PDB file of N, CA and C in Angstrom:
ATOM      1  N   MET A   1       0.850  -1.172   0.000  1.00  0.00           N
ATOM      2  CA  MET A   1       0.000   0.000   0.000  1.00  0.00           C
ATOM      3  C   MET A   1       0.897   1.235   0.000  1.00  0.00           C
ATOM      4  N   SER A   2       0.626   2.140  -0.913  1.00  0.00           N
ATOM      5  CA  SER A   2       1.473   3.314  -1.062  1.00  0.00           C
ATOM      6  C   SER A   2       1.110   4.410  -0.058  1.00  0.00           C
ATOM      7  N   LYS A   3       2.016   5.328   0.064  1.00  0.00           N
ATOM      8  CA  LYS A   3       1.815   6.475   0.954  1.00  0.00           C
ATOM      9  C   LYS A   3       0.565   7.260   0.546  1.00  0.00           C
ATOM     10  N   ASP A   4       0.343   7.385  -0.767  1.00  0.00           N
ATOM     11  CA  ASP A   4      -0.829   8.119  -1.247  1.00  0.00           C
ATOM     12  C   ASP A   4      -2.132   7.466  -0.799  1.00  0.00           C
ATOM     13  N   ARG A   5      -2.171   6.157  -0.826  1.00  0.00           N
ATOM     14  CA  ARG A   5      -3.401   5.454  -0.425  1.00  0.00           C
ATOM     15  C   ARG A   5      -3.661   5.617   1.063  1.00  0.00           C
ATOM     16  N   ILE A   6      -2.615   5.558   1.860  1.00  0.00           N
ATOM     17  CA  ILE A   6      -2.765   5.729   3.308  1.00  0.00           C
ATOM     18  C   ILE A   6      -3.229   7.144   3.628  1.00  0.00           C
ATOM     19  N   GLU A   7      -2.553   8.123   3.028  1.00  0.00           N
ATOM     20  CA  GLU A   7      -2.921   9.522   3.280  1.00  0.00           C
ATOM     21  C   GLU A   7      -4.317   9.827   2.745  1.00  0.00           C
ATOM     22  N   GLY A   8      -4.664   9.233   1.605  1.00  0.00           N
ATOM     23  CA  GLY A   8      -5.995   9.443   1.036  1.00  0.00           C
ATOM     24  C   GLY A   8      -7.089   8.896   1.939  1.00  0.00           C
ATOM     25  N   SER A   9      -6.849   7.722   2.488  1.00  0.00           N
ATOM     26  CA  SER A   9      -7.832   7.134   3.404  1.00  0.00           C
ATOM     27  C   SER A   9      -7.986   7.972   4.668  1.00  0.00           C
ATOM     28  N   ALA A  10      -6.872   8.475   5.168  1.00  0.00           N
ATOM     29  CA  ALA A  10      -6.912   9.329   6.360  1.00  0.00           C
ATOM     30  C   ALA A  10      -7.668  10.620   6.063  1.00  0.00           C
ATOM     31  N   LYS A  11      -7.451  11.180   4.884  1.00  0.00           N
ATOM     32  CA  LYS A  11      -8.121  12.424   4.496  1.00  0.00           C
ATOM     33  C   LYS A  11      -9.629  12.198   4.366  1.00  0.00           C
ATOM     34  N   GLN A  12      -9.999  11.034   3.840  1.00  0.00           N
ATOM     35  CA  GLN A  12     -11.420  10.708   3.732  1.00  0.00           C
ATOM     36  C   GLN A  12     -12.059  10.622   5.112  1.00  0.00           C
ATOM     37  N   ALA A  13     -11.385   9.967   6.031  1.00  0.00           N
ATOM     38  CA  ALA A  13     -11.916   9.830   7.385  1.00  0.00           C
ATOM     39  C   ALA A  13     -12.036  11.191   8.059  1.00  0.00           C
ATOM     40  N   GLN A  14     -11.015  12.011   7.902  1.00  0.00           N
ATOM     41  CA  GLN A  14     -11.033  13.361   8.474  1.00  0.00           C
ATOM     42  C   GLN A  14     -12.196  14.163   7.882  1.00  0.00           C
ATOM     43  N   GLY A  15     -12.401  14.026   6.588  1.00  0.00           N
ATOM     44  CA  GLY A  15     -13.500  14.729   5.931  1.00  0.00           C
ATOM     45  C   GLY A  15     -14.853  14.282   6.442  1.00  0.00           C
ATOM     46  N   ALA A  16     -14.994  12.990   6.676  1.00  0.00           N
ATOM     47  CA  ALA A  16     -16.258  12.469   7.189  1.00  0.00           C
ATOM     48  C   ALA A  16     -16.560  13.032   8.570  1.00  0.00           C
ATOM     49  N   VAL A  17     -15.528  13.130   9.402  1.00  0.00           N
ATOM     50  CA  VAL A  17     -15.704  13.684  10.748  1.00  0.00           C
ATOM     51  C   VAL A  17     -16.100  15.161  10.654  1.00  0.00           C
ATOM     52  N   LYS A  18     -15.402  15.907   9.812  1.00  0.00           N
ATOM     53  CA  LYS A  18     -15.723  17.333   9.642  1.00  0.00           C
ATOM     54  C   LYS A  18     -17.151  17.513   9.132  1.00  0.00           C
ATOM     55  N   GLU A  19     -17.515  16.703   8.141  1.00  0.00           N
ATOM     56  CA  GLU A  19     -18.850  16.818   7.570  1.00  0.00           C
ATOM     57  C   GLU A  19     -19.916  16.537   8.623  1.00  0.00           C
ATOM     58  N   MET A  20     -19.710  15.497   9.414  1.00  0.00           N
ATOM     59  CA  MET A  20     -20.678  15.157  10.458  1.00  0.00           C
ATOM     60  C   MET A  20     -20.750  16.256  11.514  1.00  0.00           C
ATOM     61  N   ALA A  21     -19.591  16.789  11.899  1.00  0.00           N
ATOM     62  CA  ALA A  21     -19.570  17.881  12.882  1.00  0.00           C
ATOM     63  C   ALA A  21     -20.314  19.095  12.337  1.00  0.00           C
ATOM     64  N   GLY A  22     -20.122  19.368  11.056  1.00  0.00           N
ATOM     65  CA  GLY A  22     -20.830  20.485  10.434  1.00  0.00           C
ATOM     66  C   GLY A  22     -22.329  20.279  10.427  1.00  0.00           C
ATOM     67  N   LYS A  23     -22.764  19.050  10.158  1.00  0.00           N
ATOM     68  CA  LYS A  23     -24.202  18.752  10.176  1.00  0.00           C
ATOM     69  C   LYS A  23     -24.773  18.913  11.576  1.00  0.00           C
ATOM     70  N   LEU A  24     -24.033  18.391  12.568  1.00  0.00           N
ATOM     71  CA  LEU A  24     -24.531  18.434  13.941  1.00  0.00           C
ATOM     72  C   LEU A  24     -24.611  19.852  14.494  1.00  0.00           C
ATOM     73  N   THR A  25     -23.660  20.687  14.097  1.00  0.00           N
ATOM     74  CA  THR A  25     -23.630  22.054  14.619  1.00  0.00           C
ATOM     75  C   THR A  25     -24.336  23.059  13.724  1.00  0.00           C
ATOM     76  N   GLY A  26     -24.742  22.611  12.538  1.00  0.00           N
ATOM     77  CA  GLY A  26     -25.391  23.524  11.604  1.00  0.00           C
ATOM     78  C   GLY A  26     -24.408  24.450  10.923  1.00  0.00           C
ATOM     79  N   ASP A  27     -23.129  24.077  10.908  1.00  0.00           N
ATOM     80  CA  ASP A  27     -22.074  24.887  10.302  1.00  0.00           C
ATOM     81  C   ASP A  27     -21.880  24.439   8.853  1.00  0.00           C
ATOM     82  N   ALA A  28     -22.473  25.186   7.931  1.00  0.00           N
ATOM     83  CA  ALA A  28     -22.430  24.811   6.517  1.00  0.00           C
ATOM     84  C   ALA A  28     -21.005  24.846   5.970  1.00  0.00           C
ATOM     85  N   LYS A  29     -20.200  25.785   6.447  1.00  0.00           N
ATOM     86  CA  LYS A  29     -18.820  25.885   5.964  1.00  0.00           C
ATOM     87  C   LYS A  29     -18.021  24.644   6.358  1.00  0.00           C
ATOM     88  N   LEU A  30     -18.140  24.214   7.599  1.00  0.00           N
ATOM     89  CA  LEU A  30     -17.429  23.028   8.070  1.00  0.00           C
ATOM     90  C   LEU A  30     -17.907  21.784   7.320  1.00  0.00           C
ATOM     91  N   GLN A  31     -19.199  21.718   7.072  1.00  0.00           N
ATOM     92  CA  GLN A  31     -19.761  20.590   6.334  1.00  0.00           C
ATOM     93  C   GLN A  31     -19.201  20.561   4.908  1.00  0.00           C
ATOM     94  N   ALA A  32     -19.113  21.713   4.259  1.00  0.00           N
ATOM     95  CA  ALA A  32     -18.568  21.790   2.900  1.00  0.00           C
ATOM     96  C   ALA A  32     -17.085  21.423   2.890  1.00  0.00           C
ATOM     97  N   GLU A  33     -16.339  21.869   3.904  1.00  0.00           N
ATOM     98  CA  GLU A  33     -14.924  21.515   3.993  1.00  0.00           C
ATOM     99  C   GLU A  33     -14.766  19.999   4.138  1.00  0.00           C
ATOM    100  N   GLY A  34     -15.633  19.395   4.915  1.00  0.00           N
ATOM    101  CA  GLY A  34     -15.596  17.952   5.093  1.00  0.00           C
ATOM    102  C   GLY A  34     -15.841  17.210   3.790  1.00  0.00           C
ATOM    103  N   LYS A  35     -16.828  17.677   3.026  1.00  0.00           N
ATOM    104  CA  LYS A  35     -17.108  17.052   1.730  1.00  0.00           C
ATOM    105  C   LYS A  35     -15.908  17.193   0.801  1.00  0.00           C
ATOM    106  N   ALA A  36     -15.309  18.376   0.796  1.00  0.00           N
ATOM    107  CA  ALA A  36     -14.136  18.616  -0.055  1.00  0.00           C
ATOM    108  C   ALA A  36     -12.975  17.715   0.355  1.00  0.00           C
ATOM    109  N   ASP A  37     -12.755  17.563   1.655  1.00  0.00           N
ATOM    110  CA  ASP A  37     -11.683  16.689   2.143  1.00  0.00           C
ATOM    111  C   ASP A  37     -11.934  15.236   1.728  1.00  0.00           C
ATOM    112  N   LYS A  38     -13.187  14.802   1.797  1.00  0.00           N
ATOM    113  CA  LYS A  38     -13.511  13.437   1.406  1.00  0.00           C
ATOM    114  C   LYS A  38     -13.209  13.209  -0.075  1.00  0.00           C
ATOM    115  N   ILE A  39     -13.574  14.166  -0.901  1.00  0.00           N
ATOM    116  CA  ILE A  39     -13.313  14.046  -2.340  1.00  0.00           C
ATOM    117  C   ILE A  39     -11.813  14.044  -2.602  1.00  0.00           C
ATOM    118  N   GLU A  40     -11.102  14.941  -1.944  1.00  0.00           N
ATOM    119  CA  GLU A  40      -9.649  15.001  -2.100  1.00  0.00           C
ATOM    120  C   GLU A  40      -9.012  13.675  -1.680  1.00  0.00           C
ATOM    121  N   GLY A  41      -9.498  13.098  -0.607  1.00  0.00           N
ATOM    122  CA  GLY A  41      -8.986  11.819  -0.133  1.00  0.00           C
ATOM    123  C   GLY A  41      -9.254  10.696  -1.121  1.00  0.00           C
ATOM    124  N   LYS A  42     -10.441  10.696  -1.722  1.00  0.00           N
ATOM    125  CA  LYS A  42     -10.775   9.670  -2.717  1.00  0.00           C
ATOM    126  C   LYS A  42      -9.849   9.763  -3.921  1.00  0.00           C
ATOM    127  N   VAL A  43      -9.588  10.994  -4.365  1.00  0.00           N
ATOM    128  CA  VAL A  43      -8.698  11.187  -5.511  1.00  0.00           C
ATOM    129  C   VAL A  43      -7.289  10.710  -5.163  1.00  0.00           C
ATOM    130  N   GLN A  44      -6.803  11.103  -4.007  1.00  0.00           N
ATOM    131  CA  GLN A  44      -5.456  10.712  -3.595  1.00  0.00           C
ATOM    132  C   GLN A  44      -5.355   9.191  -3.453  1.00  0.00           C
ATOM    133  N   ASN A  45      -6.386   8.583  -2.932  1.00  0.00           N
ATOM    134  CA  ASN A  45      -6.418   7.130  -2.792  1.00  0.00           C
ATOM    135  C   ASN A  45      -6.388   6.469  -4.166  1.00  0.00           C
ATOM    136  N   ALA A  46      -7.122   7.020  -5.116  1.00  0.00           N
ATOM    137  CA  ALA A  46      -7.145   6.478  -6.476  1.00  0.00           C
ATOM    138  C   ALA A  46      -5.769   6.602  -7.133  1.00  0.00           C
ATOM    139  N   VAL A  47      -5.112   7.734  -6.934  1.00  0.00           N
ATOM    140  CA  VAL A  47      -3.768   7.930  -7.476  1.00  0.00           C
ATOM    141  C   VAL A  47      -2.821   6.875  -6.901  1.00  0.00           C
ATOM    142  N   GLY A  48      -2.937   6.635  -5.618  1.00  0.00           N
ATOM    143  CA  GLY A  48      -2.120   5.610  -4.978  1.00  0.00           C
ATOM    144  C   GLY A  48      -2.390   4.236  -5.551  1.00  0.00           C
ATOM    145  N   GLY A  49      -3.639   3.952  -5.852  1.00  0.00           N
ATOM    146  CA  GLY A  49      -3.999   2.675  -6.456  1.00  0.00           C
ATOM    147  C   GLY A  49      -3.370   2.504  -7.832  1.00  0.00           C
ATOM    148  N   VAL A  50      -3.372   3.565  -8.604  1.00  0.00           N
ATOM    149  CA  VAL A  50      -2.757   3.520  -9.934  1.00  0.00           C
ATOM    150  C   VAL A  50      -1.252   3.302  -9.808  1.00  0.00           C
ATOM    151  N   LYS A  51      -0.637   3.992  -8.866  1.00  0.00           N
ATOM    152  CA  LYS A  51       0.805   3.832  -8.647  1.00  0.00           C
ATOM    153  C   LYS A  51       1.125   2.399  -8.216  1.00  0.00           C
ATOM    154  N   ASP A  52       0.307   1.836  -7.324  1.00  0.00           N
ATOM    155  CA  ASP A  52       0.513   0.461  -6.878  1.00  0.00           C
ATOM    156  C   ASP A  52       0.392  -0.506  -8.058  1.00  0.00           C
ATOM    157  N   ALA A  53      -0.619  -0.285  -8.905  1.00  0.00           N
ATOM    158  CA  ALA A  53      -0.834  -1.163 -10.055  1.00  0.00           C
ATOM    159  C   ALA A  53       0.338  -1.057 -11.034  1.00  0.00           C
ATOM    160  N   ALA A  54       0.857   0.140 -11.197  1.00  0.00           N
ATOM    161  CA  ALA A  54       1.983   0.342 -12.120  1.00  0.00           C
ATOM    162  C   ALA A  54       3.238  -0.354 -11.618  1.00  0.00           C
ATOM    163  N   LYS A  55       3.423  -0.388 -10.318  1.00  0.00           N
ATOM    164  CA  LYS A  55       4.603  -1.042  -9.750  1.00  0.00           C
ATOM    165  C   LYS A  55       4.553  -2.560  -9.940  1.00  0.00           C
ATOM    166  N   LYS A  56       3.348  -3.113  -9.962  1.00  0.00           N
ATOM    167  CA  LYS A  56       3.187  -4.557 -10.107  1.00  0.00           C
ATOM    168  C   LYS A  56       3.477  -5.039 -11.523  1.00  0.00           C
ATOM    169  N   HIS A  57       3.385  -4.124 -12.490  1.00  0.00           N
ATOM    170  CA  HIS A  57       3.566  -4.527 -13.899  1.00  0.00           C
ATOM    171  C   HIS A  57       4.908  -4.150 -14.384  1.00  0.00           C
TER     172      HIS A  57
END
């Protein structure tokens, strides 16, 4: 598992926490930041997956 995949997964988890906190507190900005972090984490995780696949071939 590459560094990108680990960091991407962590970013997704962090985003989920932020998004939930934003929903619970009614803070739309925090909720939007959480969604953005989740998307960024998914992209980073995907990049890591591509890098891992490239190393195997």
